[in-house]
Amino acid sequence: VSVTVEGVSMEPAFQDRDQVLVIRRRRPRPGQVVVVESPFGRQGWRE
């Protein structure tokens, strides 16, 4: 999946509007960057 970064939470490694390629369901290792579903605030997920 191709993803566009929005925001500055991963600066300086990734900038706003950077394009990244995500390998789905690959088991992550410490130090790697992942794309994770955003919870709705501190309450968690609705789905």
PDB file of all heavy atoms in Angstrom:
ATOM      1  N   VAL A   1       0.861  -1.182   0.000  1.00  0.00           N
ATOM      2  CA  VAL A   1       0.000   0.000   0.000  1.00  0.00           C
ATOM      3  C   VAL A   1       0.894   1.228   0.000  1.00  0.00           C
ATOM      4  O   VAL A   1       1.869   1.292   0.742  1.00  0.00           O
ATOM      5  CB  VAL A   1      -0.915   0.028   1.248  1.00  0.00           C
ATOM      6  CG1 VAL A   1      -1.764   1.279   1.271  1.00  0.00           C
ATOM      7  CG2 VAL A   1      -1.795  -1.208   1.305  1.00  0.00           C
ATOM      8  N   SER A   2       0.563   2.193  -0.835  1.00  0.00           N
ATOM      9  CA  SER A   2       1.243   3.476  -0.838  1.00  0.00           C
ATOM     10  C   SER A   2       0.472   4.414   0.087  1.00  0.00           C
ATOM     11  O   SER A   2      -0.750   4.505   0.006  1.00  0.00           O
ATOM     12  CB  SER A   2       1.285   4.046  -2.257  1.00  0.00           C
ATOM     13  OG  SER A   2       1.847   5.335  -2.245  1.00  0.00           O
ATOM     14  N   VAL A   3       1.206   5.089   0.967  1.00  0.00           N
ATOM     15  CA  VAL A   3       0.581   5.947   1.968  1.00  0.00           C
ATOM     16  C   VAL A   3       1.252   7.314   1.946  1.00  0.00           C
ATOM     17  O   VAL A   3       2.465   7.414   1.784  1.00  0.00           O
ATOM     18  CB  VAL A   3       0.723   5.299   3.369  1.00  0.00           C
ATOM     19  CG1 VAL A   3       0.222   6.216   4.463  1.00  0.00           C
ATOM     20  CG2 VAL A   3      -0.006   3.962   3.416  1.00  0.00           C
ATOM     21  N   THR A   4       0.450   8.350   2.119  1.00  0.00           N
ATOM     22  CA  THR A   4       0.968   9.713   2.230  1.00  0.00           C
ATOM     23  C   THR A   4       0.992  10.106   3.702  1.00  0.00           C
ATOM     24  O   THR A   4      -0.025   9.989   4.391  1.00  0.00           O
ATOM     25  CB  THR A   4       0.080  10.700   1.450  1.00  0.00           C
ATOM     26  OG1 THR A   4       0.052  10.306   0.089  1.00  0.00           O
ATOM     27  CG2 THR A   4       0.611  12.123   1.567  1.00  0.00           C
ATOM     28  N   VAL A   5       2.126  10.557   4.188  1.00  0.00           N
ATOM     29  CA  VAL A   5       2.264  11.003   5.568  1.00  0.00           C
ATOM     30  C   VAL A   5       1.639  12.385   5.681  1.00  0.00           C
ATOM     31  O   VAL A   5       1.900  13.262   4.868  1.00  0.00           O
ATOM     32  CB  VAL A   5       3.759  11.065   5.980  1.00  0.00           C
ATOM     33  CG1 VAL A   5       3.914  11.644   7.375  1.00  0.00           C
ATOM     34  CG2 VAL A   5       4.400   9.697   5.869  1.00  0.00           C
ATOM     35  N   GLU A   6       0.810  12.556   6.705  1.00  0.00           N
ATOM     36  CA  GLU A   6       0.238  13.871   7.010  1.00  0.00           C
ATOM     37  C   GLU A   6       0.587  14.207   8.445  1.00  0.00           C
ATOM     38  O   GLU A   6       0.310  13.421   9.348  1.00  0.00           O
ATOM     39  CB  GLU A   6      -1.273  13.864   6.827  1.00  0.00           C
ATOM     40  CG  GLU A   6      -1.700  13.772   5.381  1.00  0.00           C
ATOM     41  CD  GLU A   6      -3.191  13.949   5.218  1.00  0.00           C
ATOM     42  OE1 GLU A   6      -3.888  14.218   6.211  1.00  0.00           O
ATOM     43  OE2 GLU A   6      -3.653  13.807   4.090  1.00  0.00           O
ATOM     44  N   GLY A   7       1.201  15.343   8.660  1.00  0.00           N
ATOM     45  CA  GLY A   7       1.569  15.764  10.002  1.00  0.00           C
ATOM     46  C   GLY A   7       3.062  15.632  10.248  1.00  0.00           C
ATOM     47  O   GLY A   7       3.829  15.250   9.371  1.00  0.00           O
ATOM     48  N   VAL A   8       3.450  15.961  11.477  1.00  0.00           N
ATOM     49  CA  VAL A   8       4.874  16.065  11.813  1.00  0.00           C
ATOM     50  C   VAL A   8       5.302  15.108  12.916  1.00  0.00           C
ATOM     51  O   VAL A   8       6.395  15.240  13.452  1.00  0.00           O
ATOM     52  CB  VAL A   8       5.219  17.520  12.212  1.00  0.00           C
ATOM     53  CG1 VAL A   8       4.975  18.471  11.056  1.00  0.00           C
ATOM     54  CG2 VAL A   8       4.428  17.949  13.441  1.00  0.00           C
ATOM     55  N   SER A   9       4.474  14.122  13.245  1.00  0.00           N
ATOM     56  CA  SER A   9       4.782  13.250  14.383  1.00  0.00           C
ATOM     57  C   SER A   9       6.012  12.385  14.186  1.00  0.00           C
ATOM     58  O   SER A   9       6.583  11.892  15.154  1.00  0.00           O
ATOM     59  CB  SER A   9       3.590  12.360  14.717  1.00  0.00           C
ATOM     60  OG  SER A   9       3.436  11.337  13.766  1.00  0.00           O
ATOM     61  N   MET A  10       6.434  12.176  12.935  1.00  0.00           N
ATOM     62  CA  MET A  10       7.607  11.335  12.682  1.00  0.00           C
ATOM     63  C   MET A  10       8.802  12.130  12.152  1.00  0.00           C
ATOM     64  O   MET A  10       9.756  11.549  11.651  1.00  0.00           O
ATOM     65  CB  MET A  10       7.245  10.215  11.715  1.00  0.00           C
ATOM     66  CG  MET A  10       6.404   9.124  12.340  1.00  0.00           C
ATOM     67  SD  MET A  10       7.199   8.290  13.731  1.00  0.00           S
ATOM     68  CE  MET A  10       8.514   7.424  12.892  1.00  0.00           C
ATOM     69  N   GLU A  11       8.745  13.456  12.269  1.00  0.00           N
ATOM     70  CA  GLU A  11       9.914  14.245  11.873  1.00  0.00           C
ATOM     71  C   GLU A  11      11.050  13.986  12.850  1.00  0.00           C
ATOM     72  O   GLU A  11      10.804  13.781  14.033  1.00  0.00           O
ATOM     73  CB  GLU A  11       9.560  15.739  11.861  1.00  0.00           C
ATOM     74  CG  GLU A  11       8.710  16.116  10.681  1.00  0.00           C
ATOM     75  CD  GLU A  11       8.450  17.608  10.584  1.00  0.00           C
ATOM     76  OE1 GLU A  11       8.773  18.355  11.533  1.00  0.00           O
ATOM     77  OE2 GLU A  11       7.910  18.026   9.559  1.00  0.00           O
ATOM     78  N   PRO A  12      12.269  13.949  12.388  1.00  0.00           N
ATOM     79  CA  PRO A  12      12.751  14.301  11.059  1.00  0.00           C
ATOM     80  C   PRO A  12      12.773  13.140  10.057  1.00  0.00           C
ATOM     81  O   PRO A  12      13.039  13.354   8.883  1.00  0.00           O
ATOM     82  CB  PRO A  12      14.170  14.794  11.318  1.00  0.00           C
ATOM     83  CG  PRO A  12      14.627  13.968  12.480  1.00  0.00           C
ATOM     84  CD  PRO A  12      13.383  13.743  13.328  1.00  0.00           C
ATOM     85  N   ALA A  13      12.498  11.913  10.493  1.00  0.00           N
ATOM     86  CA  ALA A  13      12.599  10.763   9.582  1.00  0.00           C
ATOM     87  C   ALA A  13      11.624  10.852   8.417  1.00  0.00           C
ATOM     88  O   ALA A  13      11.963  10.524   7.282  1.00  0.00           O
ATOM     89  CB  ALA A  13      12.381   9.459  10.351  1.00  0.00           C
ATOM     90  N   PHE A  14      10.396  11.291   8.694  1.00  0.00           N
ATOM     91  CA  PHE A  14       9.364  11.414   7.657  1.00  0.00           C
ATOM     92  C   PHE A  14       8.716  12.778   7.783  1.00  0.00           C
ATOM     93  O   PHE A  14       8.349  13.192   8.877  1.00  0.00           O
ATOM     94  CB  PHE A  14       8.306  10.314   7.808  1.00  0.00           C
ATOM     95  CG  PHE A  14       8.866   8.934   7.636  1.00  0.00           C
ATOM     96  CD1 PHE A  14       9.286   8.195   8.723  1.00  0.00           C
ATOM     97  CD2 PHE A  14       8.981   8.371   6.366  1.00  0.00           C
ATOM     98  CE1 PHE A  14       9.820   6.924   8.564  1.00  0.00           C
ATOM     99  CE2 PHE A  14       9.516   7.100   6.197  1.00  0.00           C
ATOM    100  CZ  PHE A  14       9.932   6.383   7.300  1.00  0.00           C
ATOM    101  N   GLN A  15       8.588  13.432   6.653  1.00  0.00           N
ATOM    102  CA  GLN A  15       8.030  14.785   6.603  1.00  0.00           C
ATOM    103  C   GLN A  15       6.578  14.740   6.134  1.00  0.00           C
ATOM    104  O   GLN A  15       6.155  13.790   5.474  1.00  0.00           O
ATOM    105  CB  GLN A  15       8.840  15.655   5.622  1.00  0.00           C
ATOM    106  CG  GLN A  15      10.323  15.680   5.881  1.00  0.00           C
ATOM    107  CD  GLN A  15      10.677  16.415   7.151  1.00  0.00           C
ATOM    108  OE1 GLN A  15      10.130  17.465   7.436  1.00  0.00           O
ATOM    109  NE2 GLN A  15      11.591  15.854   7.930  1.00  0.00           N
ATOM    110  N   ASP A  16       5.833  15.783   6.442  1.00  0.00           N
ATOM    111  CA  ASP A  16       4.479  15.946   5.933  1.00  0.00           C
ATOM    112  C   ASP A  16       4.499  15.820   4.408  1.00  0.00           C
ATOM    113  O   ASP A  16       5.348  16.405   3.742  1.00  0.00           O
ATOM    114  CB  ASP A  16       3.949  17.322   6.346  1.00  0.00           C
ATOM    115  CG  ASP A  16       2.485  17.515   6.020  1.00  0.00           C
ATOM    116  OD1 ASP A  16       1.698  16.569   6.180  1.00  0.00           O
ATOM    117  OD2 ASP A  16       2.124  18.641   5.618  1.00  0.00           O
ATOM    118  N   ARG A  17       3.609  15.008   3.868  1.00  0.00           N
ATOM    119  CA  ARG A  17       3.438  14.751   2.433  1.00  0.00           C
ATOM    120  C   ARG A  17       4.438  13.756   1.840  1.00  0.00           C
ATOM    121  O   ARG A  17       4.423  13.521   0.640  1.00  0.00           O
ATOM    122  CB  ARG A  17       3.417  16.035   1.630  1.00  0.00           C
ATOM    123  CG  ARG A  17       2.267  16.936   2.015  1.00  0.00           C
ATOM    124  CD  ARG A  17       2.133  18.103   1.102  1.00  0.00           C
ATOM    125  NE  ARG A  17       1.050  18.941   1.603  1.00  0.00           N
ATOM    126  CZ  ARG A  17       0.919  20.208   1.348  1.00  0.00           C
ATOM    127  NH1 ARG A  17       1.791  20.813   0.582  1.00  0.00           N
ATOM    128  NH2 ARG A  17      -0.087  20.887   1.833  1.00  0.00           N
ATOM    129  N   ASP A  18       5.314  13.183   2.663  1.00  0.00           N
ATOM    130  CA  ASP A  18       6.171  12.101   2.155  1.00  0.00           C
ATOM    131  C   ASP A  18       5.291  10.929   1.726  1.00  0.00           C
ATOM    132  O   ASP A  18       4.254  10.675   2.330  1.00  0.00           O
ATOM    133  CB  ASP A  18       7.141  11.608   3.231  1.00  0.00           C
ATOM    134  CG  ASP A  18       8.356  12.481   3.418  1.00  0.00           C
ATOM    135  OD1 ASP A  18       8.538  13.438   2.638  1.00  0.00           O
ATOM    136  OD2 ASP A  18       9.127  12.208   4.362  1.00  0.00           O
ATOM    137  N   GLN A  19       5.730  10.208   0.716  1.00  0.00           N
ATOM    138  CA  GLN A  19       5.072   8.982   0.276  1.00  0.00           C
ATOM    139  C   GLN A  19       5.881   7.806   0.808  1.00  0.00           C
ATOM    140  O   GLN A  19       7.097   7.797   0.686  1.00  0.00           O
ATOM    141  CB  GLN A  19       5.041   8.907  -1.253  1.00  0.00           C
ATOM    142  CG  GLN A  19       4.206   9.981  -1.907  1.00  0.00           C
ATOM    143  CD  GLN A  19       2.734   9.652  -1.829  1.00  0.00           C
ATOM    144  OE1 GLN A  19       2.327   8.529  -2.045  1.00  0.00           O
ATOM    145  NE2 GLN A  19       1.937  10.642  -1.507  1.00  0.00           N
ATOM    146  N   VAL A  20       5.191   6.822   1.401  1.00  0.00           N
ATOM    147  CA  VAL A  20       5.864   5.624   1.884  1.00  0.00           C
ATOM    148  C   VAL A  20       5.151   4.399   1.347  1.00  0.00           C
ATOM    149  O   VAL A  20       3.957   4.422   1.071  1.00  0.00           O
ATOM    150  CB  VAL A  20       5.934   5.575   3.431  1.00  0.00           C
ATOM    151  CG1 VAL A  20       6.762   6.723   3.980  1.00  0.00           C
ATOM    152  CG2 VAL A  20       4.554   5.568   4.055  1.00  0.00           C
ATOM    153  N   LEU A  21       5.903   3.325   1.190  1.00  0.00           N
ATOM    154  CA  LEU A  21       5.358   2.052   0.749  1.00  0.00           C
ATOM    155  C   LEU A  21       5.275   1.139   1.969  1.00  0.00           C
ATOM    156  O   LEU A  21       6.253   0.973   2.703  1.00  0.00           O
ATOM    157  CB  LEU A  21       6.253   1.430  -0.321  1.00  0.00           C
ATOM    158  CG  LEU A  21       5.720   0.193  -1.011  1.00  0.00           C
ATOM    159  CD1 LEU A  21       4.419   0.495  -1.751  1.00  0.00           C
ATOM    160  CD2 LEU A  21       6.753  -0.335  -1.984  1.00  0.00           C
ATOM    161  N   VAL A  22       4.107   0.548   2.187  1.00  0.00           N
ATOM    162  CA  VAL A  22       3.863  -0.291   3.354  1.00  0.00           C
ATOM    163  C   VAL A  22       3.714  -1.740   2.900  1.00  0.00           C
ATOM    164  O   VAL A  22       2.927  -2.025   1.995  1.00  0.00           O
ATOM    165  CB  VAL A  22       2.587   0.167   4.091  1.00  0.00           C
ATOM    166  CG1 VAL A  22       2.289  -0.732   5.283  1.00  0.00           C
ATOM    167  CG2 VAL A  22       2.721   1.619   4.524  1.00  0.00           C
ATOM    168  N   ILE A  23       4.478  -2.623   3.538  1.00  0.00           N
ATOM    169  CA  ILE A  23       4.345  -4.055   3.294  1.00  0.00           C
ATOM    170  C   ILE A  23       3.367  -4.568   4.334  1.00  0.00           C
ATOM    171  O   ILE A  23       3.652  -4.561   5.540  1.00  0.00           O
ATOM    172  CB  ILE A  23       5.704  -4.777   3.403  1.00  0.00           C
ATOM    173  CG1 ILE A  23       6.698  -4.163   2.426  1.00  0.00           C
ATOM    174  CG2 ILE A  23       5.519  -6.272   3.156  1.00  0.00           C
ATOM    175  CD1 ILE A  23       8.116  -4.623   2.625  1.00  0.00           C
ATOM    176  N   ARG A  24       2.184  -4.976   3.886  1.00  0.00           N
ATOM    177  CA  ARG A  24       1.112  -5.366   4.791  1.00  0.00           C
ATOM    178  C   ARG A  24       1.430  -6.651   5.546  1.00  0.00           C
ATOM    179  O   ARG A  24       1.982  -7.588   4.999  1.00  0.00           O
ATOM    180  CB  ARG A  24      -0.190  -5.538   4.013  1.00  0.00           C
ATOM    181  CG  ARG A  24      -0.709  -4.201   3.533  1.00  0.00           C
ATOM    182  CD  ARG A  24      -1.989  -4.315   2.807  1.00  0.00           C
ATOM    183  NE  ARG A  24      -3.047  -4.855   3.664  1.00  0.00           N
ATOM    184  CZ  ARG A  24      -4.258  -5.114   3.215  1.00  0.00           C
ATOM    185  NH1 ARG A  24      -4.571  -4.914   1.957  1.00  0.00           N
ATOM    186  NH2 ARG A  24      -5.174  -5.593   4.027  1.00  0.00           N
ATOM    187  N   ARG A  25       1.063  -6.635   6.817  1.00  0.00           N
ATOM    188  CA  ARG A  25       1.101  -7.784   7.718  1.00  0.00           C
ATOM    189  C   ARG A  25       2.468  -8.423   7.887  1.00  0.00           C
ATOM    190  O   ARG A  25       2.576  -9.563   8.261  1.00  0.00           O
ATOM    191  CB  ARG A  25       0.086  -8.838   7.306  1.00  0.00           C
ATOM    192  CG  ARG A  25      -1.318  -8.367   7.399  1.00  0.00           C
ATOM    193  CD  ARG A  25      -1.686  -8.064   8.834  1.00  0.00           C
ATOM    194  NE  ARG A  25      -3.033  -7.502   8.863  1.00  0.00           N
ATOM    195  CZ  ARG A  25      -3.464  -6.675   9.777  1.00  0.00           C
ATOM    196  NH1 ARG A  25      -2.683  -6.290  10.744  1.00  0.00           N
ATOM    197  NH2 ARG A  25      -4.682  -6.218   9.738  1.00  0.00           N
ATOM    198  N   ARG A  26       3.504  -7.704   7.598  1.00  0.00           N
ATOM    199  CA  ARG A  26       4.848  -8.182   7.893  1.00  0.00           C
ATOM    200  C   ARG A  26       5.087  -7.974   9.384  1.00  0.00           C
ATOM    201  O   ARG A  26       4.757  -6.922   9.929  1.00  0.00           O
ATOM    202  CB  ARG A  26       5.847  -7.382   7.070  1.00  0.00           C
ATOM    203  CG  ARG A  26       7.249  -7.848   7.210  1.00  0.00           C
ATOM    204  CD  ARG A  26       8.104  -7.087   6.218  1.00  0.00           C
ATOM    205  NE  ARG A  26       9.483  -7.430   6.412  1.00  0.00           N
ATOM    206  CZ  ARG A  26      10.490  -6.698   6.005  1.00  0.00           C
ATOM    207  NH1 ARG A  26      10.247  -5.574   5.345  1.00  0.00           N
ATOM    208  NH2 ARG A  26      11.714  -7.057   6.208  1.00  0.00           N
ATOM    209  N   ARG A  27       5.638  -8.956  10.053  1.00  0.00           N
ATOM    210  CA  ARG A  27       5.873  -8.829  11.497  1.00  0.00           C
ATOM    211  C   ARG A  27       6.941  -7.769  11.748  1.00  0.00           C
ATOM    212  O   ARG A  27       8.063  -7.879  11.256  1.00  0.00           O
ATOM    213  CB  ARG A  27       6.316 -10.157  12.084  1.00  0.00           C
ATOM    214  CG  ARG A  27       6.588 -10.040  13.568  1.00  0.00           C
ATOM    215  CD  ARG A  27       6.399 -11.341  14.281  1.00  0.00           C
ATOM    216  NE  ARG A  27       6.898 -11.266  15.637  1.00  0.00           N
ATOM    217  CZ  ARG A  27       6.201 -10.799  16.667  1.00  0.00           C
ATOM    218  NH1 ARG A  27       4.987 -10.362  16.473  1.00  0.00           N
ATOM    219  NH2 ARG A  27       6.716 -10.782  17.870  1.00  0.00           N
ATOM    220  N   PRO A  28       6.599  -6.748  12.528  1.00  0.00           N
ATOM    221  CA  PRO A  28       7.584  -5.684  12.771  1.00  0.00           C
ATOM    222  C   PRO A  28       8.648  -6.104  13.774  1.00  0.00           C
ATOM    223  O   PRO A  28       8.469  -7.047  14.551  1.00  0.00           O
ATOM    224  CB  PRO A  28       6.727  -4.556  13.341  1.00  0.00           C
ATOM    225  CG  PRO A  28       5.569  -5.231  13.976  1.00  0.00           C
ATOM    226  CD  PRO A  28       5.314  -6.478  13.163  1.00  0.00           C
ATOM    227  N   ARG A  29       9.748  -5.370  13.720  1.00  0.00           N
ATOM    228  CA  ARG A  29      10.840  -5.536  14.678  1.00  0.00           C
ATOM    229  C   ARG A  29      11.081  -4.181  15.350  1.00  0.00           C
ATOM    230  O   ARG A  29      10.798  -3.136  14.759  1.00  0.00           O
ATOM    231  CB  ARG A  29      12.116  -5.991  13.959  1.00  0.00           C
ATOM    232  CG  ARG A  29      12.011  -7.381  13.346  1.00  0.00           C
ATOM    233  CD  ARG A  29      13.347  -7.847  12.787  1.00  0.00           C
ATOM    234  NE  ARG A  29      13.976  -6.886  11.896  1.00  0.00           N
ATOM    235  CZ  ARG A  29      13.898  -6.901  10.570  1.00  0.00           C
ATOM    236  NH1 ARG A  29      13.215  -7.837   9.956  1.00  0.00           N
ATOM    237  NH2 ARG A  29      14.504  -5.997   9.848  1.00  0.00           N
ATOM    238  N   PRO A  30      11.615  -4.182  16.559  1.00  0.00           N
ATOM    239  CA  PRO A  30      11.933  -2.904  17.207  1.00  0.00           C
ATOM    240  C   PRO A  30      12.825  -2.051  16.304  1.00  0.00           C
ATOM    241  O   PRO A  30      13.734  -2.554  15.657  1.00  0.00           O
ATOM    242  CB  PRO A  30      12.660  -3.326  18.489  1.00  0.00           C
ATOM    243  CG  PRO A  30      12.074  -4.670  18.801  1.00  0.00           C
ATOM    244  CD  PRO A  30      11.897  -5.326  17.440  1.00  0.00           C
ATOM    245  N   GLY A  31      12.508  -0.775  16.256  1.00  0.00           N
ATOM    246  CA  GLY A  31      13.238   0.171  15.418  1.00  0.00           C
ATOM    247  C   GLY A  31      12.587   0.403  14.076  1.00  0.00           C
ATOM    248  O   GLY A  31      12.834   1.430  13.442  1.00  0.00           O
ATOM    249  N   GLN A  32      11.753  -0.527  13.626  1.00  0.00           N
ATOM    250  CA  GLN A  32      11.075  -0.339  12.345  1.00  0.00           C
ATOM    251  C   GLN A  32       9.901   0.626  12.505  1.00  0.00           C
ATOM    252  O   GLN A  32       9.366   0.805  13.602  1.00  0.00           O
ATOM    253  CB  GLN A  32      10.567  -1.666  11.792  1.00  0.00           C
ATOM    254  CG  GLN A  32      11.662  -2.568  11.293  1.00  0.00           C
ATOM    255  CD  GLN A  32      11.109  -3.835  10.669  1.00  0.00           C
ATOM    256  OE1 GLN A  32      10.229  -4.482  11.225  1.00  0.00           O
ATOM    257  NE2 GLN A  32      11.644  -4.199   9.522  1.00  0.00           N
ATOM    258  N   VAL A  33       9.507   1.202  11.385  1.00  0.00           N
ATOM    259  CA  VAL A  33       8.362   2.105  11.353  1.00  0.00           C
ATOM    260  C   VAL A  33       7.176   1.337  10.783  1.00  0.00           C
ATOM    261  O   VAL A  33       7.322   0.597   9.808  1.00  0.00           O
ATOM    262  CB  VAL A  33       8.682   3.358  10.501  1.00  0.00           C
ATOM    263  CG1 VAL A  33       7.462   4.253  10.371  1.00  0.00           C
ATOM    264  CG2 VAL A  33       9.851   4.120  11.122  1.00  0.00           C
ATOM    265  N   VAL A  34       6.017   1.507  11.434  1.00  0.00           N
ATOM    266  CA  VAL A  34       4.815   0.811  11.013  1.00  0.00           C
ATOM    267  C   VAL A  34       3.693   1.806  10.771  1.00  0.00           C
ATOM    268  O   VAL A  34       3.722   2.940  11.257  1.00  0.00           O
ATOM    269  CB  VAL A  34       4.354  -0.227  12.071  1.00  0.00           C
ATOM    270  CG1 VAL A  34       5.386  -1.332  12.240  1.00  0.00           C
ATOM    271  CG2 VAL A  34       4.019   0.430  13.400  1.00  0.00           C
ATOM    272  N   VAL A  35       2.696   1.345  10.038  1.00  0.00           N
ATOM    273  CA  VAL A  35       1.437   2.073   9.900  1.00  0.00           C
ATOM    274  C   VAL A  35       0.437   1.314  10.760  1.00  0.00           C
ATOM    275  O   VAL A  35       0.268   0.103  10.623  1.00  0.00           O
ATOM    276  CB  VAL A  35       0.993   2.160   8.430  1.00  0.00           C
ATOM    277  CG1 VAL A  35      -0.410   2.724   8.318  1.00  0.00           C
ATOM    278  CG2 VAL A  35       1.974   3.030   7.646  1.00  0.00           C
ATOM    279  N   VAL A  36      -0.193   2.029  11.686  1.00  0.00           N
ATOM    280  CA  VAL A  36      -1.114   1.433  12.651  1.00  0.00           C
ATOM    281  C   VAL A  36      -2.439   2.183  12.595  1.00  0.00           C
ATOM    282  O   VAL A  36      -2.473   3.396  12.367  1.00  0.00           O
ATOM    283  CB  VAL A  36      -0.508   1.469  14.078  1.00  0.00           C
ATOM    284  CG1 VAL A  36      -0.249   2.886  14.556  1.00  0.00           C
ATOM    285  CG2 VAL A  36      -1.366   0.716  15.077  1.00  0.00           C
ATOM    286  N   GLU A  37      -3.523   1.442  12.789  1.00  0.00           N
ATOM    287  CA  GLU A  37      -4.835   2.086  12.789  1.00  0.00           C
ATOM    288  C   GLU A  37      -4.948   3.023  13.981  1.00  0.00           C
ATOM    289  O   GLU A  37      -4.613   2.668  15.107  1.00  0.00           O
ATOM    290  CB  GLU A  37      -5.942   1.042  12.831  1.00  0.00           C
ATOM    291  CG  GLU A  37      -7.302   1.653  12.627  1.00  0.00           C
ATOM    292  CD  GLU A  37      -8.415   0.645  12.509  1.00  0.00           C
ATOM    293  OE1 GLU A  37      -8.154  -0.571  12.582  1.00  0.00           O
ATOM    294  OE2 GLU A  37      -9.565   1.089  12.354  1.00  0.00           O
ATOM    295  N   SER A  38      -5.412   4.215  13.714  1.00  0.00           N
ATOM    296  CA  SER A  38      -5.536   5.234  14.744  1.00  0.00           C
ATOM    297  C   SER A  38      -6.758   4.972  15.617  1.00  0.00           C
ATOM    298  O   SER A  38      -7.858   4.790  15.105  1.00  0.00           O
ATOM    299  CB  SER A  38      -5.665   6.610  14.077  1.00  0.00           C
ATOM    300  OG  SER A  38      -5.813   7.610  15.052  1.00  0.00           O
ATOM    301  N   PRO A  39      -6.577   4.977  16.943  1.00  0.00           N
ATOM    302  CA  PRO A  39      -7.746   4.859  17.815  1.00  0.00           C
ATOM    303  C   PRO A  39      -8.490   6.191  17.855  1.00  0.00           C
ATOM    304  O   PRO A  39      -7.955   7.223  17.456  1.00  0.00           O
ATOM    305  CB  PRO A  39      -7.131   4.536  19.179  1.00  0.00           C
ATOM    306  CG  PRO A  39      -5.771   5.122  19.127  1.00  0.00           C
ATOM    307  CD  PRO A  39      -5.329   5.048  17.686  1.00  0.00           C
ATOM    308  N   PHE A  40      -9.716   6.161  18.335  1.00  0.00           N
ATOM    309  CA  PHE A  40     -10.488   7.386  18.518  1.00  0.00           C
ATOM    310  C   PHE A  40     -10.169   7.936  19.899  1.00  0.00           C
ATOM    311  O   PHE A  40     -10.826   7.600  20.886  1.00  0.00           O
ATOM    312  CB  PHE A  40     -11.982   7.110  18.334  1.00  0.00           C
ATOM    313  CG  PHE A  40     -12.330   6.809  16.916  1.00  0.00           C
ATOM    314  CD1 PHE A  40     -12.342   5.505  16.460  1.00  0.00           C
ATOM    315  CD2 PHE A  40     -12.608   7.836  16.023  1.00  0.00           C
ATOM    316  CE1 PHE A  40     -12.635   5.222  15.138  1.00  0.00           C
ATOM    317  CE2 PHE A  40     -12.904   7.557  14.700  1.00  0.00           C
ATOM    318  CZ  PHE A  40     -12.914   6.256  14.255  1.00  0.00           C
ATOM    319  N   GLY A  41      -9.098   8.733  19.961  1.00  0.00           N
ATOM    320  CA  GLY A  41      -8.647   9.255  21.243  1.00  0.00           C
ATOM    321  C   GLY A  41      -8.206   8.127  22.161  1.00  0.00           C
ATOM    322  O   GLY A  41      -7.745   7.090  21.708  1.00  0.00           O
ATOM    323  N   ARG A  42      -8.389   8.324  23.431  1.00  0.00           N
ATOM    324  CA  ARG A  42      -7.952   7.320  24.406  1.00  0.00           C
ATOM    325  C   ARG A  42      -8.970   6.199  24.604  1.00  0.00           C
ATOM    326  O   ARG A  42      -8.733   5.263  25.339  1.00  0.00           O
ATOM    327  CB  ARG A  42      -7.646   8.006  25.723  1.00  0.00           C
ATOM    328  CG  ARG A  42      -6.374   8.842  25.623  1.00  0.00           C
ATOM    329  CD  ARG A  42      -6.145   9.691  26.854  1.00  0.00           C
ATOM    330  NE  ARG A  42      -4.964  10.506  26.694  1.00  0.00           N
ATOM    331  CZ  ARG A  42      -4.932  11.666  26.061  1.00  0.00           C
ATOM    332  NH1 ARG A  42      -6.008  12.152  25.499  1.00  0.00           N
ATOM    333  NH2 ARG A  42      -3.812  12.349  25.970  1.00  0.00           N
ATOM    334  N   GLN A  43     -10.125   6.288  23.948  1.00  0.00           N
ATOM    335  CA  GLN A  43     -11.165   5.284  24.115  1.00  0.00           C
ATOM    336  C   GLN A  43     -10.916   4.015  23.315  1.00  0.00           C
ATOM    337  O   GLN A  43     -11.511   2.987  23.588  1.00  0.00           O
ATOM    338  CB  GLN A  43     -12.542   5.842  23.713  1.00  0.00           C
ATOM    339  CG  GLN A  43     -13.069   6.896  24.655  1.00  0.00           C
ATOM    340  CD  GLN A  43     -12.417   8.255  24.431  1.00  0.00           C
ATOM    341  OE1 GLN A  43     -12.090   8.619  23.307  1.00  0.00           O
ATOM    342  NE2 GLN A  43     -12.211   8.994  25.502  1.00  0.00           N
ATOM    343  N   GLY A  44     -10.121   4.066  22.297  1.00  0.00           N
ATOM    344  CA  GLY A  44      -9.859   2.885  21.478  1.00  0.00           C
ATOM    345  C   GLY A  44     -10.570   2.945  20.139  1.00  0.00           C
ATOM    346  O   GLY A  44     -10.837   4.022  19.624  1.00  0.00           O
ATOM    347  N   TRP A  45     -10.899   1.817  19.601  1.00  0.00           N
ATOM    348  CA  TRP A  45     -11.427   1.717  18.248  1.00  0.00           C
ATOM    349  C   TRP A  45     -12.918   1.436  18.270  1.00  0.00           C
ATOM    350  O   TRP A  45     -13.416   0.747  19.155  1.00  0.00           O
ATOM    351  CB  TRP A  45     -10.692   0.607  17.490  1.00  0.00           C
ATOM    352  CG  TRP A  45      -9.259   0.944  17.309  1.00  0.00           C
ATOM    353  CD1 TRP A  45      -8.705   1.574  16.225  1.00  0.00           C
ATOM    354  CD2 TRP A  45      -8.179   0.712  18.208  1.00  0.00           C
ATOM    355  NE1 TRP A  45      -7.355   1.738  16.423  1.00  0.00           N
ATOM    356  CE2 TRP A  45      -7.010   1.216  17.634  1.00  0.00           C
ATOM    357  CE3 TRP A  45      -8.102   0.123  19.463  1.00  0.00           C
ATOM    358  CZ2 TRP A  45      -5.771   1.154  18.253  1.00  0.00           C
ATOM    359  CZ3 TRP A  45      -6.867   0.060  20.095  1.00  0.00           C
ATOM    360  CH2 TRP A  45      -5.721   0.570  19.481  1.00  0.00           C
ATOM    361  N   ARG A  46     -13.616   1.941  17.276  1.00  0.00           N
ATOM    362  CA  ARG A  46     -15.060   1.736  17.164  1.00  0.00           C
ATOM    363  C   ARG A  46     -15.412   0.500  16.351  1.00  0.00           C
ATOM    364  O   ARG A  46     -16.512  -0.011  16.456  1.00  0.00           O
ATOM    365  CB  ARG A  46     -15.703   2.957  16.508  1.00  0.00           C
ATOM    366  CG  ARG A  46     -15.566   4.206  17.337  1.00  0.00           C
ATOM    367  CD  ARG A  46     -16.186   5.381  16.643  1.00  0.00           C
ATOM    368  NE  ARG A  46     -16.002   6.581  17.447  1.00  0.00           N
ATOM    369  CZ  ARG A  46     -16.144   7.797  16.984  1.00  0.00           C
ATOM    370  NH1 ARG A  46     -16.485   8.000  15.726  1.00  0.00           N
ATOM    371  NH2 ARG A  46     -15.945   8.827  17.776  1.00  0.00           N
ATOM    372  N   GLU A  47     -14.477   0.047  15.545  1.00  0.00           N
ATOM    373  CA  GLU A  47     -14.722  -1.091  14.672  1.00  0.00           C
ATOM    374  C   GLU A  47     -13.728  -2.204  14.986  1.00  0.00           C
ATOM    375  O   GLU A  47     -12.638  -1.940  15.485  1.00  0.00           O
ATOM    376  CB  GLU A  47     -14.564  -0.675  13.209  1.00  0.00           C
ATOM    377  CG  GLU A  47     -15.529   0.416  12.778  1.00  0.00           C
ATOM    378  CD  GLU A  47     -15.303   0.813  11.336  1.00  0.00           C
ATOM    379  OE1 GLU A  47     -15.500  -0.046  10.462  1.00  0.00           O
ATOM    380  OE2 GLU A  47     -14.922   1.967  11.100  1.00  0.00           O
TER     381      GLU A  47
END
